[in-house]
PDB file of all heavy atoms in Angstrom:
ATOM      1  N   ALA A   1       0.840  -1.212   0.000  1.00  0.00           N
ATOM      2  CA  ALA A   1       0.000   0.000   0.000  1.00  0.00           C
ATOM      3  C   ALA A   1       0.867   1.251   0.000  1.00  0.00           C
ATOM      4  O   ALA A   1       0.586   2.215  -0.736  1.00  0.00           O
ATOM      5  CB  ALA A   1      -0.930  -0.008   1.210  1.00  0.00           C
ATOM      6  N   ASP A   2       1.925   1.248   0.822  1.00  0.00           N
ATOM      7  CA  ASP A   2       2.816   2.409   0.867  1.00  0.00           C
ATOM      8  C   ASP A   2       3.574   2.563  -0.454  1.00  0.00           C
ATOM      9  O   ASP A   2       3.766   3.680  -0.940  1.00  0.00           O
ATOM     10  CB  ASP A   2       3.812   2.277   2.021  1.00  0.00           C
ATOM     11  CG  ASP A   2       3.146   2.431   3.381  1.00  0.00           C
ATOM     12  OD1 ASP A   2       1.987   2.886   3.431  1.00  0.00           O
ATOM     13  OD2 ASP A   2       3.793   2.081   4.395  1.00  0.00           O
ATOM     14  N   TYR A   3       3.992   1.446  -0.992  1.00  0.00           N
ATOM     15  CA  TYR A   3       4.694   1.484  -2.281  1.00  0.00           C
ATOM     16  C   TYR A   3       3.788   2.075  -3.355  1.00  0.00           C
ATOM     17  O   TYR A   3       4.178   2.979  -4.109  1.00  0.00           O
ATOM     18  CB  TYR A   3       5.132   0.072  -2.667  1.00  0.00           C
ATOM     19  CG  TYR A   3       5.751  -0.040  -4.047  1.00  0.00           C
ATOM     20  CD1 TYR A   3       7.070   0.324  -4.285  1.00  0.00           C
ATOM     21  CD2 TYR A   3       4.999  -0.530  -5.120  1.00  0.00           C
ATOM     22  CE1 TYR A   3       7.634   0.205  -5.550  1.00  0.00           C
ATOM     23  CE2 TYR A   3       5.553  -0.651  -6.383  1.00  0.00           C
ATOM     24  CZ  TYR A   3       6.874  -0.268  -6.598  1.00  0.00           C
ATOM     25  OH  TYR A   3       7.419  -0.378  -7.849  1.00  0.00           O
ATOM     26  N   TYR A   4       2.558   1.575  -3.410  1.00  0.00           N
ATOM     27  CA  TYR A   4       1.660   2.003  -4.479  1.00  0.00           C
ATOM     28  C   TYR A   4       1.198   3.445  -4.295  1.00  0.00           C
ATOM     29  O   TYR A   4       0.839   4.106  -5.279  1.00  0.00           O
ATOM     30  CB  TYR A   4       0.443   1.071  -4.550  1.00  0.00           C
ATOM     31  CG  TYR A   4      -0.382   1.307  -5.787  1.00  0.00           C
ATOM     32  CD1 TYR A   4       0.093   0.897  -7.033  1.00  0.00           C
ATOM     33  CD2 TYR A   4      -1.601   1.967  -5.730  1.00  0.00           C
ATOM     34  CE1 TYR A   4      -0.644   1.136  -8.188  1.00  0.00           C
ATOM     35  CE2 TYR A   4      -2.340   2.210  -6.872  1.00  0.00           C
ATOM     36  CZ  TYR A   4      -1.849   1.797  -8.100  1.00  0.00           C
ATOM     37  OH  TYR A   4      -2.559   2.046  -9.243  1.00  0.00           O
ATOM     38  N   ALA A   5       1.227   3.946  -3.082  1.00  0.00           N
ATOM     39  CA  ALA A   5       0.774   5.319  -2.824  1.00  0.00           C
ATOM     40  C   ALA A   5       1.739   6.368  -3.360  1.00  0.00           C
ATOM     41  O   ALA A   5       1.371   7.548  -3.472  1.00  0.00           O
ATOM     42  CB  ALA A   5       0.571   5.519  -1.321  1.00  0.00           C
ATOM     43  N   GLN A   6       2.943   5.951  -3.713  1.00  0.00           N
ATOM     44  CA  GLN A   6       3.916   6.906  -4.251  1.00  0.00           C
ATOM     45  C   GLN A   6       3.408   7.453  -5.592  1.00  0.00           C
ATOM     46  O   GLN A   6       2.948   6.684  -6.450  1.00  0.00           O
ATOM     47  CB  GLN A   6       5.273   6.239  -4.466  1.00  0.00           C
ATOM     48  CG  GLN A   6       5.927   5.693  -3.206  1.00  0.00           C
ATOM     49  CD  GLN A   6       7.224   4.978  -3.530  1.00  0.00           C
ATOM     50  OE1 GLN A   6       8.319   5.522  -3.348  1.00  0.00           O
ATOM     51  NE2 GLN A   6       7.109   3.747  -4.021  1.00  0.00           N
ATOM     52  N   PRO A   7       3.508   8.764  -5.813  1.00  0.00           N
ATOM     53  CA  PRO A   7       3.025   9.342  -7.080  1.00  0.00           C
ATOM     54  C   PRO A   7       3.667   8.711  -8.316  1.00  0.00           C
ATOM     55  O   PRO A   7       3.012   8.603  -9.362  1.00  0.00           O
ATOM     56  CB  PRO A   7       3.409  10.820  -6.946  1.00  0.00           C
ATOM     57  CG  PRO A   7       3.454  11.070  -5.478  1.00  0.00           C
ATOM     58  CD  PRO A   7       3.964   9.794  -4.861  1.00  0.00           C
ATOM     59  N   ALA A   8       4.909   8.279  -8.199  1.00  0.00           N
ATOM     60  CA  ALA A   8       5.589   7.684  -9.349  1.00  0.00           C
ATOM     61  C   ALA A   8       5.057   6.295  -9.681  1.00  0.00           C
ATOM     62  O   ALA A   8       5.272   5.799 -10.791  1.00  0.00           O
ATOM     63  CB  ALA A   8       7.093   7.617  -9.098  1.00  0.00           C
ATOM     64  N   VAL A   9       4.363   5.681  -8.711  1.00  0.00           N
ATOM     65  CA  VAL A   9       3.862   4.321  -8.900  1.00  0.00           C
ATOM     66  C   VAL A   9       2.355   4.303  -9.118  1.00  0.00           C
ATOM     67  O   VAL A   9       1.856   3.592  -9.995  1.00  0.00           O
ATOM     68  CB  VAL A   9       4.226   3.426  -7.699  1.00  0.00           C
ATOM     69  CG1 VAL A   9       3.665   2.011  -7.891  1.00  0.00           C
ATOM     70  CG2 VAL A   9       5.736   3.374  -7.503  1.00  0.00           C
ATOM     71  N   LYS A  10       1.604   5.062  -8.347  1.00  0.00           N
ATOM     72  CA  LYS A  10       0.146   5.042  -8.441  1.00  0.00           C
ATOM     73  C   LYS A  10      -0.296   5.418  -9.850  1.00  0.00           C
ATOM     74  O   LYS A  10       0.133   6.428 -10.410  1.00  0.00           O
ATOM     75  CB  LYS A  10      -0.476   5.992  -7.420  1.00  0.00           C
ATOM     76  CG  LYS A  10      -1.994   5.927  -7.398  1.00  0.00           C
ATOM     77  CD  LYS A  10      -2.576   6.737  -6.269  1.00  0.00           C
ATOM     78  CE  LYS A  10      -4.107   6.732  -6.323  1.00  0.00           C
ATOM     79  NZ  LYS A  10      -4.663   5.361  -6.289  1.00  0.00           N
ATOM     80  N   TYR A  11      -1.161   4.584 -10.405  1.00  0.00           N
ATOM     81  CA  TYR A  11      -1.561   4.735 -11.804  1.00  0.00           C
ATOM     82  C   TYR A  11      -2.143   6.115 -12.074  1.00  0.00           C
ATOM     83  O   TYR A  11      -3.063   6.575 -11.392  1.00  0.00           O
ATOM     84  CB  TYR A  11      -2.569   3.654 -12.173  1.00  0.00           C
ATOM     85  CG  TYR A  11      -2.923   3.620 -13.632  1.00  0.00           C
ATOM     86  CD1 TYR A  11      -1.942   3.476 -14.609  1.00  0.00           C
ATOM     87  CD2 TYR A  11      -4.249   3.713 -14.051  1.00  0.00           C
ATOM     88  CE1 TYR A  11      -2.268   3.436 -15.954  1.00  0.00           C
ATOM     89  CE2 TYR A  11      -4.588   3.665 -15.393  1.00  0.00           C
ATOM     90  CZ  TYR A  11      -3.588   3.533 -16.339  1.00  0.00           C
ATOM     91  OH  TYR A  11      -3.908   3.496 -17.686  1.00  0.00           O
ATOM     92  N   ALA A  12      -1.607   6.769 -13.076  1.00  0.00           N
ATOM     93  CA  ALA A  12      -1.995   8.141 -13.404  1.00  0.00           C
ATOM     94  C   ALA A  12      -3.198   8.210 -14.330  1.00  0.00           C
ATOM     95  O   ALA A  12      -3.534   9.285 -14.840  1.00  0.00           O
ATOM     96  CB  ALA A  12      -0.809   8.871 -14.036  1.00  0.00           C
ATOM     97  N   GLY A  13      -3.845   7.068 -14.567  1.00  0.00           N
ATOM     98  CA  GLY A  13      -5.018   7.063 -15.435  1.00  0.00           C
ATOM     99  C   GLY A  13      -4.653   6.739 -16.869  1.00  0.00           C
ATOM    100  O   GLY A  13      -3.475   6.543 -17.221  1.00  0.00           O
ATOM    101  N   ASN A  14      -5.650   6.692 -17.723  1.00  0.00           N
ATOM    102  CA  ASN A  14      -5.432   6.328 -19.126  1.00  0.00           C
ATOM    103  C   ASN A  14      -4.873   7.513 -19.910  1.00  0.00           C
ATOM    104  O   ASN A  14      -5.515   8.083 -20.803  1.00  0.00           O
ATOM    105  CB  ASN A  14      -6.730   5.829 -19.736  1.00  0.00           C
ATOM    106  CG  ASN A  14      -7.205   4.544 -19.074  1.00  0.00           C
ATOM    107  OD1 ASN A  14      -6.410   3.820 -18.475  1.00  0.00           O
ATOM    108  ND2 ASN A  14      -8.489   4.259 -19.180  1.00  0.00           N
ATOM    109  N   THR A  15      -3.671   7.870 -19.531  1.00  0.00           N
ATOM    110  CA  THR A  15      -2.958   9.007 -20.114  1.00  0.00           C
ATOM    111  C   THR A  15      -1.580   8.547 -20.566  1.00  0.00           C
ATOM    112  O   THR A  15      -1.195   7.384 -20.360  1.00  0.00           O
ATOM    113  CB  THR A  15      -2.788  10.114 -19.064  1.00  0.00           C
ATOM    114  OG1 THR A  15      -1.978   9.598 -17.983  1.00  0.00           O
ATOM    115  CG2 THR A  15      -4.128  10.563 -18.506  1.00  0.00           C
ATOM    116  N   ALA A  16      -0.823   9.457 -21.150  1.00  0.00           N
ATOM    117  CA  ALA A  16       0.542   9.131 -21.546  1.00  0.00           C
ATOM    118  C   ALA A  16       1.393   8.781 -20.330  1.00  0.00           C
ATOM    119  O   ALA A  16       2.238   7.867 -20.380  1.00  0.00           O
ATOM    120  CB  ALA A  16       1.160  10.296 -22.318  1.00  0.00           C
ATOM    121  N   ASP A  17       1.178   9.487 -19.223  1.00  0.00           N
ATOM    122  CA  ASP A  17       1.919   9.185 -17.998  1.00  0.00           C
ATOM    123  C   ASP A  17       1.550   7.807 -17.459  1.00  0.00           C
ATOM    124  O   ASP A  17       2.415   7.051 -16.991  1.00  0.00           O
ATOM    125  CB  ASP A  17       1.657  10.247 -16.934  1.00  0.00           C
ATOM    126  CG  ASP A  17       2.330  11.583 -17.242  1.00  0.00           C
ATOM    127  OD1 ASP A  17       3.286  11.593 -18.054  1.00  0.00           O
ATOM    128  OD2 ASP A  17       1.900  12.619 -16.687  1.00  0.00           O
ATOM    129  N   GLY A  18       0.264   7.493 -17.523  1.00  0.00           N
ATOM    130  CA  GLY A  18      -0.174   6.174 -17.076  1.00  0.00           C
ATOM    131  C   GLY A  18       0.425   5.070 -17.927  1.00  0.00           C
ATOM    132  O   GLY A  18       0.833   4.014 -17.419  1.00  0.00           O
ATOM    133  N   LEU A  19       0.493   5.291 -19.239  1.00  0.00           N
ATOM    134  CA  LEU A  19       1.082   4.312 -20.140  1.00  0.00           C
ATOM    135  C   LEU A  19       2.557   4.098 -19.811  1.00  0.00           C
ATOM    136  O   LEU A  19       3.047   2.956 -19.779  1.00  0.00           O
ATOM    137  CB  LEU A  19       0.930   4.771 -21.593  1.00  0.00           C
ATOM    138  CG  LEU A  19       1.531   3.845 -22.660  1.00  0.00           C
ATOM    139  CD1 LEU A  19       0.921   2.456 -22.586  1.00  0.00           C
ATOM    140  CD2 LEU A  19       1.349   4.453 -24.051  1.00  0.00           C
ATOM    141  N   LYS A  20       3.262   5.181 -19.521  1.00  0.00           N
ATOM    142  CA  LYS A  20       4.678   5.057 -19.172  1.00  0.00           C
ATOM    143  C   LYS A  20       4.855   4.244 -17.891  1.00  0.00           C
ATOM    144  O   LYS A  20       5.793   3.447 -17.780  1.00  0.00           O
ATOM    145  CB  LYS A  20       5.298   6.445 -19.011  1.00  0.00           C
ATOM    146  CG  LYS A  20       6.800   6.413 -18.755  1.00  0.00           C
ATOM    147  CD  LYS A  20       7.391   7.811 -18.700  1.00  0.00           C
ATOM    148  CE  LYS A  20       8.906   7.749 -18.457  1.00  0.00           C
ATOM    149  NZ  LYS A  20       9.494   9.113 -18.388  1.00  0.00           N
ATOM    150  N   GLN A  21       3.964   4.424 -16.940  1.00  0.00           N
ATOM    151  CA  GLN A  21       4.041   3.637 -15.703  1.00  0.00           C
ATOM    152  C   GLN A  21       3.851   2.145 -15.989  1.00  0.00           C
ATOM    153  O   GLN A  21       4.582   1.301 -15.461  1.00  0.00           O
ATOM    154  CB  GLN A  21       2.975   4.117 -14.717  1.00  0.00           C
ATOM    155  CG  GLN A  21       3.241   5.486 -14.122  1.00  0.00           C
ATOM    156  CD  GLN A  21       2.062   5.957 -13.282  1.00  0.00           C
ATOM    157  OE1 GLN A  21       0.910   5.888 -13.706  1.00  0.00           O
ATOM    158  NE2 GLN A  21       2.361   6.429 -12.080  1.00  0.00           N
ATOM    159  N   ILE A  22       2.867   1.831 -16.820  1.00  0.00           N
ATOM    160  CA  ILE A  22       2.618   0.428 -17.184  1.00  0.00           C
ATOM    161  C   ILE A  22       3.852  -0.175 -17.827  1.00  0.00           C
ATOM    162  O   ILE A  22       4.304  -1.277 -17.475  1.00  0.00           O
ATOM    163  CB  ILE A  22       1.412   0.322 -18.132  1.00  0.00           C
ATOM    164  CG1 ILE A  22       0.126   0.719 -17.419  1.00  0.00           C
ATOM    165  CG2 ILE A  22       1.296  -1.090 -18.703  1.00  0.00           C
ATOM    166  CD1 ILE A  22      -1.057   0.924 -18.354  1.00  0.00           C
ATOM    167  N   LEU A  23       4.427   0.536 -18.790  1.00  0.00           N
ATOM    168  CA  LEU A  23       5.576   0.025 -19.535  1.00  0.00           C
ATOM    169  C   LEU A  23       6.807  -0.094 -18.648  1.00  0.00           C
ATOM    170  O   LEU A  23       7.611  -1.023 -18.810  1.00  0.00           O
ATOM    171  CB  LEU A  23       5.857   0.924 -20.734  1.00  0.00           C
ATOM    172  CG  LEU A  23       4.744   0.967 -21.791  1.00  0.00           C
ATOM    173  CD1 LEU A  23       5.003   2.081 -22.797  1.00  0.00           C
ATOM    174  CD2 LEU A  23       4.619  -0.376 -22.496  1.00  0.00           C
ATOM    175  N   THR A  24       6.957   0.823 -17.699  1.00  0.00           N
ATOM    176  CA  THR A  24       8.092   0.754 -16.772  1.00  0.00           C
ATOM    177  C   THR A  24       7.983  -0.478 -15.884  1.00  0.00           C
ATOM    178  O   THR A  24       8.964  -1.228 -15.706  1.00  0.00           O
ATOM    179  CB  THR A  24       8.151   2.027 -15.900  1.00  0.00           C
ATOM    180  OG1 THR A  24       8.361   3.159 -16.743  1.00  0.00           O
ATOM    181  CG2 THR A  24       9.278   1.937 -14.882  1.00  0.00           C
ATOM    182  N   GLN A  25       6.815  -0.712 -15.327  1.00  0.00           N
ATOM    183  CA  GLN A  25       6.629  -1.876 -14.469  1.00  0.00           C
ATOM    184  C   GLN A  25       6.717  -3.183 -15.271  1.00  0.00           C
ATOM    185  O   GLN A  25       7.207  -4.203 -14.765  1.00  0.00           O
ATOM    186  CB  GLN A  25       5.287  -1.792 -13.738  1.00  0.00           C
ATOM    187  CG  GLN A  25       5.227  -0.728 -12.655  1.00  0.00           C
ATOM    188  CD  GLN A  25       6.056  -1.085 -11.420  1.00  0.00           C
ATOM    189  OE1 GLN A  25       6.455  -2.239 -11.225  1.00  0.00           O
ATOM    190  NE2 GLN A  25       6.314  -0.091 -10.578  1.00  0.00           N
ATOM    191  N   LYS A  26       6.287  -3.153 -16.496  1.00  0.00           N
ATOM    192  CA  LYS A  26       6.423  -4.332 -17.348  1.00  0.00           C
ATOM    193  C   LYS A  26       7.896  -4.648 -17.567  1.00  0.00           C
ATOM    194  O   LYS A  26       8.315  -5.816 -17.504  1.00  0.00           O
ATOM    195  CB  LYS A  26       5.718  -4.091 -18.688  1.00  0.00           C
ATOM    196  CG  LYS A  26       5.644  -5.307 -19.606  1.00  0.00           C
ATOM    197  CD  LYS A  26       4.877  -4.963 -20.879  1.00  0.00           C
ATOM    198  CE  LYS A  26       4.631  -6.177 -21.750  1.00  0.00           C
ATOM    199  NZ  LYS A  26       3.883  -5.834 -22.987  1.00  0.00           N
ATOM    200  N   TYR A  27       8.683  -3.616 -17.808  1.00  0.00           N
ATOM    201  CA  TYR A  27      10.138  -3.787 -17.968  1.00  0.00           C
ATOM    202  C   TYR A  27      10.744  -4.400 -16.717  1.00  0.00           C
ATOM    203  O   TYR A  27      11.549  -5.345 -16.794  1.00  0.00           O
ATOM    204  CB  TYR A  27      10.773  -2.434 -18.283  1.00  0.00           C
ATOM    205  CG  TYR A  27      12.281  -2.444 -18.298  1.00  0.00           C
ATOM    206  CD1 TYR A  27      12.992  -2.954 -19.382  1.00  0.00           C
ATOM    207  CD2 TYR A  27      13.006  -1.934 -17.224  1.00  0.00           C
ATOM    208  CE1 TYR A  27      14.383  -2.962 -19.398  1.00  0.00           C
ATOM    209  CE2 TYR A  27      14.395  -1.936 -17.223  1.00  0.00           C
ATOM    210  CZ  TYR A  27      15.083  -2.452 -18.311  1.00  0.00           C
ATOM    211  OH  TYR A  27      16.463  -2.454 -18.308  1.00  0.00           O
ATOM    212  N   LEU A  28      10.372  -3.895 -15.546  1.00  0.00           N
ATOM    213  CA  LEU A  28      10.924  -4.414 -14.296  1.00  0.00           C
ATOM    214  C   LEU A  28      10.550  -5.884 -14.097  1.00  0.00           C
ATOM    215  O   LEU A  28      11.353  -6.682 -13.612  1.00  0.00           O
ATOM    216  CB  LEU A  28      10.432  -3.575 -13.118  1.00  0.00           C
ATOM    217  CG  LEU A  28      10.869  -2.104 -13.098  1.00  0.00           C
ATOM    218  CD1 LEU A  28      10.228  -1.370 -11.913  1.00  0.00           C
ATOM    219  CD2 LEU A  28      12.389  -1.975 -13.042  1.00  0.00           C
ATOM    220  N   ALA A  29       9.341  -6.257 -14.488  1.00  0.00           N
ATOM    221  CA  ALA A  29       8.888  -7.638 -14.324  1.00  0.00           C
ATOM    222  C   ALA A  29       9.576  -8.591 -15.292  1.00  0.00           C
ATOM    223  O   ALA A  29       9.623  -9.804 -15.044  1.00  0.00           O
ATOM    224  CB  ALA A  29       7.372  -7.711 -14.506  1.00  0.00           C
ATOM    225  N   PHE A  30      10.100  -8.073 -16.385  1.00  0.00           N
ATOM    226  CA  PHE A  30      10.798  -8.899 -17.369  1.00  0.00           C
ATOM    227  C   PHE A  30      12.215  -9.281 -16.925  1.00  0.00           C
ATOM    228  O   PHE A  30      12.890 -10.035 -17.622  1.00  0.00           O
ATOM    229  CB  PHE A  30      10.911  -8.164 -18.709  1.00  0.00           C
ATOM    230  CG  PHE A  30       9.778  -8.400 -19.664  1.00  0.00           C
ATOM    231  CD1 PHE A  30       9.236  -7.351 -20.387  1.00  0.00           C
ATOM    232  CD2 PHE A  30       9.261  -9.672 -19.876  1.00  0.00           C
ATOM    233  CE1 PHE A  30       8.207  -7.558 -21.300  1.00  0.00           C
ATOM    234  CE2 PHE A  30       8.235  -9.902 -20.774  1.00  0.00           C
ATOM    235  CZ  PHE A  30       7.709  -8.830 -21.498  1.00  0.00           C
ATOM    236  N   PHE A  31      12.689  -8.779 -15.795  1.00  0.00           N
ATOM    237  CA  PHE A  31      14.088  -8.960 -15.404  1.00  0.00           C
ATOM    238  C   PHE A  31      14.522 -10.425 -15.489  1.00  0.00           C
ATOM    239  O   PHE A  31      13.964 -11.291 -14.833  1.00  0.00           O
ATOM    240  CB  PHE A  31      14.311  -8.441 -13.982  1.00  0.00           C
ATOM    241  CG  PHE A  31      15.739  -8.558 -13.510  1.00  0.00           C
ATOM    242  CD1 PHE A  31      16.742  -7.814 -14.128  1.00  0.00           C
ATOM    243  CD2 PHE A  31      16.080  -9.399 -12.474  1.00  0.00           C
ATOM    244  CE1 PHE A  31      18.060  -7.909 -13.693  1.00  0.00           C
ATOM    245  CE2 PHE A  31      17.394  -9.508 -12.036  1.00  0.00           C
ATOM    246  CZ  PHE A  31      18.391  -8.766 -12.651  1.00  0.00           C
TER     247      PHE A  31
END
């Protein structure tokens, strides 16, 4: 909950910023 509450992590909605968050986390999961 604390991790997700961070502005850099909490989904910014169906926007360009939100898309970047999805792609960043996808990259991290591919490690």
